[in-house]
Structures are given as structure tokens and as C-alpha cells.
All heavy atoms as atom14 arrays in JSON, in Angstrom:
{
  "sequence": "VYGGPTHRMVTDSWSRRMLVDQYMARRGYLVFS",
  "atom14_mask": [
    [1, 1, 1, 1, 1, 1, 1, 0, 0, 0, 0, 0, 0, 0],
    [1, 1, 1, 1, 1, 1, 1, 1, 1, 1, 1, 1, 0, 0],
    [1, 1, 1, 1, 0, 0, 0, 0, 0, 0, 0, 0, 0, 0],
    [1, 1, 1, 1, 0, 0, 0, 0, 0, 0, 0, 0, 0, 0],
    [1, 1, 1, 1, 1, 1, 1, 0, 0, 0, 0, 0, 0, 0],
    [1, 1, 1, 1, 1, 1, 1, 0, 0, 0, 0, 0, 0, 0],
    [1, 1, 1, 1, 1, 1, 1, 1, 1, 1, 0, 0, 0, 0],
    [1, 1, 1, 1, 1, 1, 1, 1, 1, 1, 1, 0, 0, 0],
    [1, 1, 1, 1, 1, 1, 1, 1, 0, 0, 0, 0, 0, 0],
    [1, 1, 1, 1, 1, 1, 1, 0, 0, 0, 0, 0, 0, 0],
    [1, 1, 1, 1, 1, 1, 1, 0, 0, 0, 0, 0, 0, 0],
    [1, 1, 1, 1, 1, 1, 1, 1, 0, 0, 0, 0, 0, 0],
    [1, 1, 1, 1, 1, 1, 0, 0, 0, 0, 0, 0, 0, 0],
    [1, 1, 1, 1, 1, 1, 1, 1, 1, 1, 1, 1, 1, 1],
    [1, 1, 1, 1, 1, 1, 0, 0, 0, 0, 0, 0, 0, 0],
    [1, 1, 1, 1, 1, 1, 1, 1, 1, 1, 1, 0, 0, 0],
    [1, 1, 1, 1, 1, 1, 1, 1, 1, 1, 1, 0, 0, 0],
    [1, 1, 1, 1, 1, 1, 1, 1, 0, 0, 0, 0, 0, 0],
    [1, 1, 1, 1, 1, 1, 1, 1, 0, 0, 0, 0, 0, 0],
    [1, 1, 1, 1, 1, 1, 1, 0, 0, 0, 0, 0, 0, 0],
    [1, 1, 1, 1, 1, 1, 1, 1, 0, 0, 0, 0, 0, 0],
    [1, 1, 1, 1, 1, 1, 1, 1, 1, 0, 0, 0, 0, 0],
    [1, 1, 1, 1, 1, 1, 1, 1, 1, 1, 1, 1, 0, 0],
    [1, 1, 1, 1, 1, 1, 1, 1, 0, 0, 0, 0, 0, 0],
    [1, 1, 1, 1, 1, 0, 0, 0, 0, 0, 0, 0, 0, 0],
    [1, 1, 1, 1, 1, 1, 1, 1, 1, 1, 1, 0, 0, 0],
    [1, 1, 1, 1, 1, 1, 1, 1, 1, 1, 1, 0, 0, 0],
    [1, 1, 1, 1, 0, 0, 0, 0, 0, 0, 0, 0, 0, 0],
    [1, 1, 1, 1, 1, 1, 1, 1, 1, 1, 1, 1, 0, 0],
    [1, 1, 1, 1, 1, 1, 1, 1, 0, 0, 0, 0, 0, 0],
    [1, 1, 1, 1, 1, 1, 1, 0, 0, 0, 0, 0, 0, 0],
    [1, 1, 1, 1, 1, 1, 1, 1, 1, 1, 1, 0, 0, 0],
    [1, 1, 1, 1, 1, 1, 0, 0, 0, 0, 0, 0, 0, 0]
  ],
  "atom14_positions": [
    [[-3.25, 6.04, 0.66], [-4.65, 6.23, 0.33], [-4.85, 6.39, -1.14], [-4.0, 6.94, -1.91], [-5.27, 7.46, 1.09], [-4.7, 8.74, 0.6], [-6.81, 7.42, 0.95], [0.0, 0.0, 0.0], [0.0, 0.0, 0.0], [0.0, 0.0, 0.0], [0.0, 0.0, 0.0], [0.0, 0.0, 0.0], [0.0, 0.0, 0.0], [0.0, 0.0, 0.0]],
    [[-5.95, 5.95, -1.72], [-6.45, 6.35, -3.08], [-7.94, 6.89, -2.89], [-8.12, 8.03, -3.04], [-6.38, 5.22, -4.06], [-6.79, 5.71, -5.44], [-5.96, 6.46, -6.16], [-8.02, 5.39, -5.97], [-6.27, 6.95, -7.46], [-8.37, 5.86, -7.24], [-7.52, 6.61, -7.96], [-7.87, 7.15, -9.14], [0.0, 0.0, 0.0], [0.0, 0.0, 0.0]],
    [[-8.84, 6.02, -2.64], [-10.18, 6.46, -2.27], [-11.13, 6.77, -3.44], [-12.31, 7.04, -3.16], [0.0, 0.0, 0.0], [0.0, 0.0, 0.0], [0.0, 0.0, 0.0], [0.0, 0.0, 0.0], [0.0, 0.0, 0.0], [0.0, 0.0, 0.0], [0.0, 0.0, 0.0], [0.0, 0.0, 0.0], [0.0, 0.0, 0.0], [0.0, 0.0, 0.0]],
    [[-10.58, 6.77, -4.71], [-11.41, 7.11, -5.82], [-12.26, 5.92, -6.31], [-11.94, 4.82, -6.0], [0.0, 0.0, 0.0], [0.0, 0.0, 0.0], [0.0, 0.0, 0.0], [0.0, 0.0, 0.0], [0.0, 0.0, 0.0], [0.0, 0.0, 0.0], [0.0, 0.0, 0.0], [0.0, 0.0, 0.0], [0.0, 0.0, 0.0], [0.0, 0.0, 0.0]],
    [[-13.34, 6.2, -7.01], [-14.35, 5.14, -7.39], [-13.78, 3.98, -8.26], [-14.37, 2.9, -8.24], [-15.39, 5.93, -8.09], [-15.29, 7.33, -7.69], [-13.79, 7.56, -7.42], [0.0, 0.0, 0.0], [0.0, 0.0, 0.0], [0.0, 0.0, 0.0], [0.0, 0.0, 0.0], [0.0, 0.0, 0.0], [0.0, 0.0, 0.0], [0.0, 0.0, 0.0]],
    [[-12.67, 4.24, -8.97], [-12.24, 3.27, -9.96], [-11.15, 2.29, -9.51], [-10.72, 1.45, -10.37], [-11.8, 4.01, -11.26], [-10.71, 4.87, -10.89], [-12.88, 4.9, -11.84], [0.0, 0.0, 0.0], [0.0, 0.0, 0.0], [0.0, 0.0, 0.0], [0.0, 0.0, 0.0], [0.0, 0.0, 0.0], [0.0, 0.0, 0.0], [0.0, 0.0, 0.0]],
    [[-10.73, 2.38, -8.29], [-9.61, 1.54, -7.93], [-9.55, 1.25, -6.42], [-9.77, 2.12, -5.57], [-8.27, 2.39, -8.24], [-7.01, 1.61, -7.93], [-6.6, 0.47, -8.59], [-6.08, 1.8, -6.95], [-5.5, 0.04, -8.09], [-5.12, 0.85, -7.09], [0.0, 0.0, 0.0], [0.0, 0.0, 0.0], [0.0, 0.0, 0.0], [0.0, 0.0, 0.0]],
    [[-9.37, -0.04, -6.14], [-9.29, -0.45, -4.7], [-7.75, -0.56, -4.29], [-6.96, -0.93, -5.06], [-9.92, -1.84, -4.49], [-11.38, -1.85, -4.73], [-12.01, -3.2, -4.28], [-11.96, -3.35, -2.82], [-12.95, -2.94, -2.07], [-14.05, -2.34, -2.53], [-12.92, -3.12, -0.75], [0.0, 0.0, 0.0], [0.0, 0.0, 0.0], [0.0, 0.0, 0.0]],
    [[-7.5, -0.15, -3.07], [-6.18, -0.29, -2.55], [-6.03, -1.61, -1.8], [-4.95, -2.24, -1.7], [-5.86, 0.81, -1.56], [-5.67, 2.15, -2.17], [-4.09, 2.29, -3.03], [-2.96, 2.4, -1.58], [0.0, 0.0, 0.0], [0.0, 0.0, 0.0], [0.0, 0.0, 0.0], [0.0, 0.0, 0.0], [0.0, 0.0, 0.0], [0.0, 0.0, 0.0]],
    [[-7.15, -2.1, -1.17], [-7.03, -3.27, -0.31], [-7.31, -4.55, -1.14], [-8.42, -5.03, -1.17], [-8.03, -3.12, 0.85], [-7.95, -4.31, 1.79], [-7.89, -1.78, 1.55], [0.0, 0.0, 0.0], [0.0, 0.0, 0.0], [0.0, 0.0, 0.0], [0.0, 0.0, 0.0], [0.0, 0.0, 0.0], [0.0, 0.0, 0.0], [0.0, 0.0, 0.0]],
    [[-6.29, -5.04, -1.82], [-6.36, -6.2, -2.58], [-5.18, -7.12, -2.26], [-4.06, -6.63, -1.98], [-6.36, -5.97, -4.1], [-5.18, -5.27, -4.46], [-7.57, -5.07, -4.47], [0.0, 0.0, 0.0], [0.0, 0.0, 0.0], [0.0, 0.0, 0.0], [0.0, 0.0, 0.0], [0.0, 0.0, 0.0], [0.0, 0.0, 0.0], [0.0, 0.0, 0.0]],
    [[-5.4, -8.4, -2.33], [-4.31, -9.37, -2.06], [-3.54, -9.57, -3.33], [-3.75, -10.6, -4.02], [-4.88, -10.66, -1.54], [-3.75, -11.57, -0.93], [-2.63, -11.12, -0.9], [-4.09, -12.7, -0.59], [0.0, 0.0, 0.0], [0.0, 0.0, 0.0], [0.0, 0.0, 0.0], [0.0, 0.0, 0.0], [0.0, 0.0, 0.0], [0.0, 0.0, 0.0]],
    [[-2.71, -8.6, -3.72], [-2.01, -8.68, -5.0], [-0.64, -7.97, -4.82], [-0.43, -7.29, -3.78], [-2.79, -7.97, -6.09], [-3.09, -6.65, -5.79], [0.0, 0.0, 0.0], [0.0, 0.0, 0.0], [0.0, 0.0, 0.0], [0.0, 0.0, 0.0], [0.0, 0.0, 0.0], [0.0, 0.0, 0.0], [0.0, 0.0, 0.0], [0.0, 0.0, 0.0]],
    [[0.24, -8.13, -5.83], [1.58, -7.59, -5.76], [1.62, -6.37, -6.67], [1.06, -6.34, -7.78], [2.55, -8.61, -6.26], [3.97, -8.2, -6.17], [4.68, -7.41, -6.96], [4.94, -8.59, -5.13], [5.96, -7.2, -6.58], [6.19, -8.01, -5.47], [4.89, -9.42, -4.02], [7.33, -8.13, -4.7], [5.99, -9.6, -3.23], [7.23, -8.96, -3.59]],
    [[2.35, -5.35, -6.21], [2.58, -4.12, -7.07], [3.82, -3.48, -6.56], [4.25, -3.66, -5.46], [1.33, -3.22, -7.03], [1.23, -2.64, -5.71], [0.0, 0.0, 0.0], [0.0, 0.0, 0.0], [0.0, 0.0, 0.0], [0.0, 0.0, 0.0], [0.0, 0.0, 0.0], [0.0, 0.0, 0.0], [0.0, 0.0, 0.0], [0.0, 0.0, 0.0]],
    [[4.33, -2.61, -7.41], [5.47, -1.74, -6.98], [5.03, -0.84, -5.79], [5.85, -0.55, -4.93], [6.03, -0.93, -8.14], [7.37, -0.29, -7.77], [7.92, 0.46, -8.99], [8.21, -0.35, -10.11], [8.62, 0.14, -11.29], [8.8, 1.42, -11.41], [8.82, -0.68, -12.24], [0.0, 0.0, 0.0], [0.0, 0.0, 0.0], [0.0, 0.0, 0.0]],
    [[3.82, -0.43, -5.88], [3.27, 0.35, -4.7], [3.46, -0.38, -3.37], [3.75, 0.19, -2.38], [1.76, 0.6, -4.93], [1.03, 1.27, -3.83], [-0.47, 1.13, -3.98], [-0.93, -0.19, -3.67], [-1.87, -0.81, -4.41], [-2.53, -0.21, -5.32], [-2.22, -2.07, -4.1], [0.0, 0.0, 0.0], [0.0, 0.0, 0.0], [0.0, 0.0, 0.0]],
    [[3.28, -1.72, -3.46], [3.43, -2.53, -2.25], [4.86, -2.59, -1.8], [5.12, -2.63, -0.57], [2.96, -3.96, -2.53], [2.92, -4.85, -1.43], [3.05, -6.55, -1.9], [4.77, -6.52, -2.49], [0.0, 0.0, 0.0], [0.0, 0.0, 0.0], [0.0, 0.0, 0.0], [0.0, 0.0, 0.0], [0.0, 0.0, 0.0], [0.0, 0.0, 0.0]],
    [[5.79, -2.49, -2.73], [7.26, -2.48, -2.35], [7.61, -1.19, -1.62], [8.35, -1.23, -0.67], [8.14, -2.64, -3.56], [8.14, -4.04, -4.15], [8.97, -4.11, -5.43], [8.77, -5.03, -3.15], [0.0, 0.0, 0.0], [0.0, 0.0, 0.0], [0.0, 0.0, 0.0], [0.0, 0.0, 0.0], [0.0, 0.0, 0.0], [0.0, 0.0, 0.0]],
    [[6.95, -0.06, -2.06], [7.16, 1.19, -1.27], [6.59, 1.08, 0.1], [7.21, 1.49, 1.13], [6.46, 2.37, -2.04], [6.43, 3.61, -1.16], [7.13, 2.64, -3.4], [0.0, 0.0, 0.0], [0.0, 0.0, 0.0], [0.0, 0.0, 0.0], [0.0, 0.0, 0.0], [0.0, 0.0, 0.0], [0.0, 0.0, 0.0], [0.0, 0.0, 0.0]],
    [[5.42, 0.39, 0.25], [4.89, 0.13, 1.57], [5.85, -0.75, 2.41], [6.02, -0.53, 3.66], [3.54, -0.55, 1.48], [2.49, 0.36, 0.89], [2.72, 1.65, 0.8], [1.43, -0.06, 0.41], [0.0, 0.0, 0.0], [0.0, 0.0, 0.0], [0.0, 0.0, 0.0], [0.0, 0.0, 0.0], [0.0, 0.0, 0.0], [0.0, 0.0, 0.0]],
    [[6.44, -1.75, 1.77], [7.46, -2.57, 2.46], [8.56, -1.72, 3.03], [9.09, -1.85, 4.11], [7.91, -3.69, 1.56], [6.98, -4.83, 1.27], [6.84, -5.75, 2.48], [7.75, -5.99, 3.21], [5.61, -6.28, 2.6], [0.0, 0.0, 0.0], [0.0, 0.0, 0.0], [0.0, 0.0, 0.0], [0.0, 0.0, 0.0], [0.0, 0.0, 0.0]],
    [[9.09, -0.8, 2.12], [10.16, 0.08, 2.52], [9.74, 0.91, 3.75], [10.57, 1.02, 4.7], [10.46, 0.98, 1.33], [11.45, 2.15, 1.68], [12.81, 1.89, 1.76], [10.95, 3.47, 1.87], [13.68, 2.94, 2.06], [11.82, 4.48, 2.15], [13.13, 4.2, 2.29], [14.02, 5.25, 2.53], [0.0, 0.0, 0.0], [0.0, 0.0, 0.0]],
    [[8.53, 1.41, 3.75], [8.14, 2.29, 4.88], [7.98, 1.46, 6.13], [8.37, 1.98, 7.22], [6.84, 2.96, 4.53], [6.97, 3.98, 3.33], [8.17, 5.3, 3.58], [7.2, 6.38, 4.69], [0.0, 0.0, 0.0], [0.0, 0.0, 0.0], [0.0, 0.0, 0.0], [0.0, 0.0, 0.0], [0.0, 0.0, 0.0], [0.0, 0.0, 0.0]],
    [[7.5, 0.21, 6.01], [7.36, -0.57, 7.19], [8.72, -0.9, 7.79], [8.84, -0.96, 9.03], [6.65, -1.92, 6.83], [0.0, 0.0, 0.0], [0.0, 0.0, 0.0], [0.0, 0.0, 0.0], [0.0, 0.0, 0.0], [0.0, 0.0, 0.0], [0.0, 0.0, 0.0], [0.0, 0.0, 0.0], [0.0, 0.0, 0.0], [0.0, 0.0, 0.0]],
    [[9.7, -1.18, 6.95], [10.98, -1.49, 7.4], [11.68, -0.25, 8.03], [12.63, -0.44, 8.87], [11.91, -2.02, 6.28], [11.38, -3.36, 5.81], [12.27, -3.82, 4.59], [11.59, -4.99, 3.95], [12.28, -6.09, 3.56], [13.53, -6.09, 3.69], [11.58, -7.02, 2.93], [0.0, 0.0, 0.0], [0.0, 0.0, 0.0], [0.0, 0.0, 0.0]],
    [[11.21, 0.95, 7.75], [11.79, 2.12, 8.41], [11.1, 2.39, 9.7], [11.49, 3.34, 10.42], [11.54, 3.39, 7.45], [12.42, 3.27, 6.25], [12.45, 4.6, 5.45], [12.96, 5.73, 6.16], [14.25, 5.9, 6.43], [15.14, 5.05, 6.01], [14.62, 7.03, 7.13], [0.0, 0.0, 0.0], [0.0, 0.0, 0.0], [0.0, 0.0, 0.0]],
    [[10.11, 1.63, 10.09], [9.57, 1.75, 11.45], [8.07, 2.3, 11.41], [7.56, 2.61, 12.52], [0.0, 0.0, 0.0], [0.0, 0.0, 0.0], [0.0, 0.0, 0.0], [0.0, 0.0, 0.0], [0.0, 0.0, 0.0], [0.0, 0.0, 0.0], [0.0, 0.0, 0.0], [0.0, 0.0, 0.0], [0.0, 0.0, 0.0], [0.0, 0.0, 0.0]],
    [[7.43, 2.28, 10.22], [6.06, 2.73, 10.16], [5.05, 1.56, 10.16], [5.33, 0.49, 9.66], [5.82, 3.47, 8.86], [6.48, 4.83, 8.72], [7.77, 4.89, 8.11], [5.87, 5.98, 9.12], [8.39, 6.16, 7.98], [6.5, 7.26, 8.99], [7.71, 7.3, 8.39], [8.34, 8.52, 8.27], [0.0, 0.0, 0.0], [0.0, 0.0, 0.0]],
    [[3.9, 1.77, 10.77], [2.78, 0.93, 10.49], [2.22, 1.5, 9.1], [2.09, 2.7, 8.93], [1.7, 1.09, 11.54], [1.96, 0.42, 12.83], [1.13, 1.15, 13.97], [1.61, -1.02, 12.79], [0.0, 0.0, 0.0], [0.0, 0.0, 0.0], [0.0, 0.0, 0.0], [0.0, 0.0, 0.0], [0.0, 0.0, 0.0], [0.0, 0.0, 0.0]],
    [[1.95, 0.63, 8.19], [1.41, 1.0, 6.89], [-0.05, 0.52, 6.87], [-0.39, -0.59, 7.03], [2.17, 0.4, 5.74], [1.6, 0.82, 4.37], [3.62, 0.8, 5.84], [0.0, 0.0, 0.0], [0.0, 0.0, 0.0], [0.0, 0.0, 0.0], [0.0, 0.0, 0.0], [0.0, 0.0, 0.0], [0.0, 0.0, 0.0], [0.0, 0.0, 0.0]],
    [[-0.96, 1.53, 6.5], [-2.4, 1.24, 6.56], [-3.06, 1.8, 5.31], [-2.8, 2.91, 4.86], [-2.94, 1.94, 7.84], [-4.44, 1.71, 8.08], [-4.86, 0.56, 8.68], [-5.35, 2.69, 7.7], [-6.25, 0.36, 8.92], [-6.72, 2.52, 8.0], [-7.13, 1.35, 8.6], [0.0, 0.0, 0.0], [0.0, 0.0, 0.0], [0.0, 0.0, 0.0]],
    [[-3.98, 1.01, 4.75], [-4.88, 1.46, 3.71], [-6.29, 0.99, 3.95], [-6.51, -0.05, 4.47], [-4.42, 0.93, 2.33], [-3.16, 1.46, 1.93], [0.0, 0.0, 0.0], [0.0, 0.0, 0.0], [0.0, 0.0, 0.0], [0.0, 0.0, 0.0], [0.0, 0.0, 0.0], [0.0, 0.0, 0.0], [0.0, 0.0, 0.0], [0.0, 0.0, 0.0]]
  ]
}
């Protein structure tokens, strides 16, 4: 989550944050924002 006025999480873009999400998904989590 972020949720603050100045930044969207739900974008079709690449970031290191996304790689952390990939890591969590591979560990068995559903990842949701």
C-alpha cells in the first residue's frame, strides 16, 4: 500500500518495488495494491 495523494501504486510500469512483489508472489502470496 501507499495511499497518499502524490503517488499511484496501480500503474502498468516497472520498478524495483515490483520485483519485491514478484519475490513475495513466488513465496506463495497473492500480492494486491
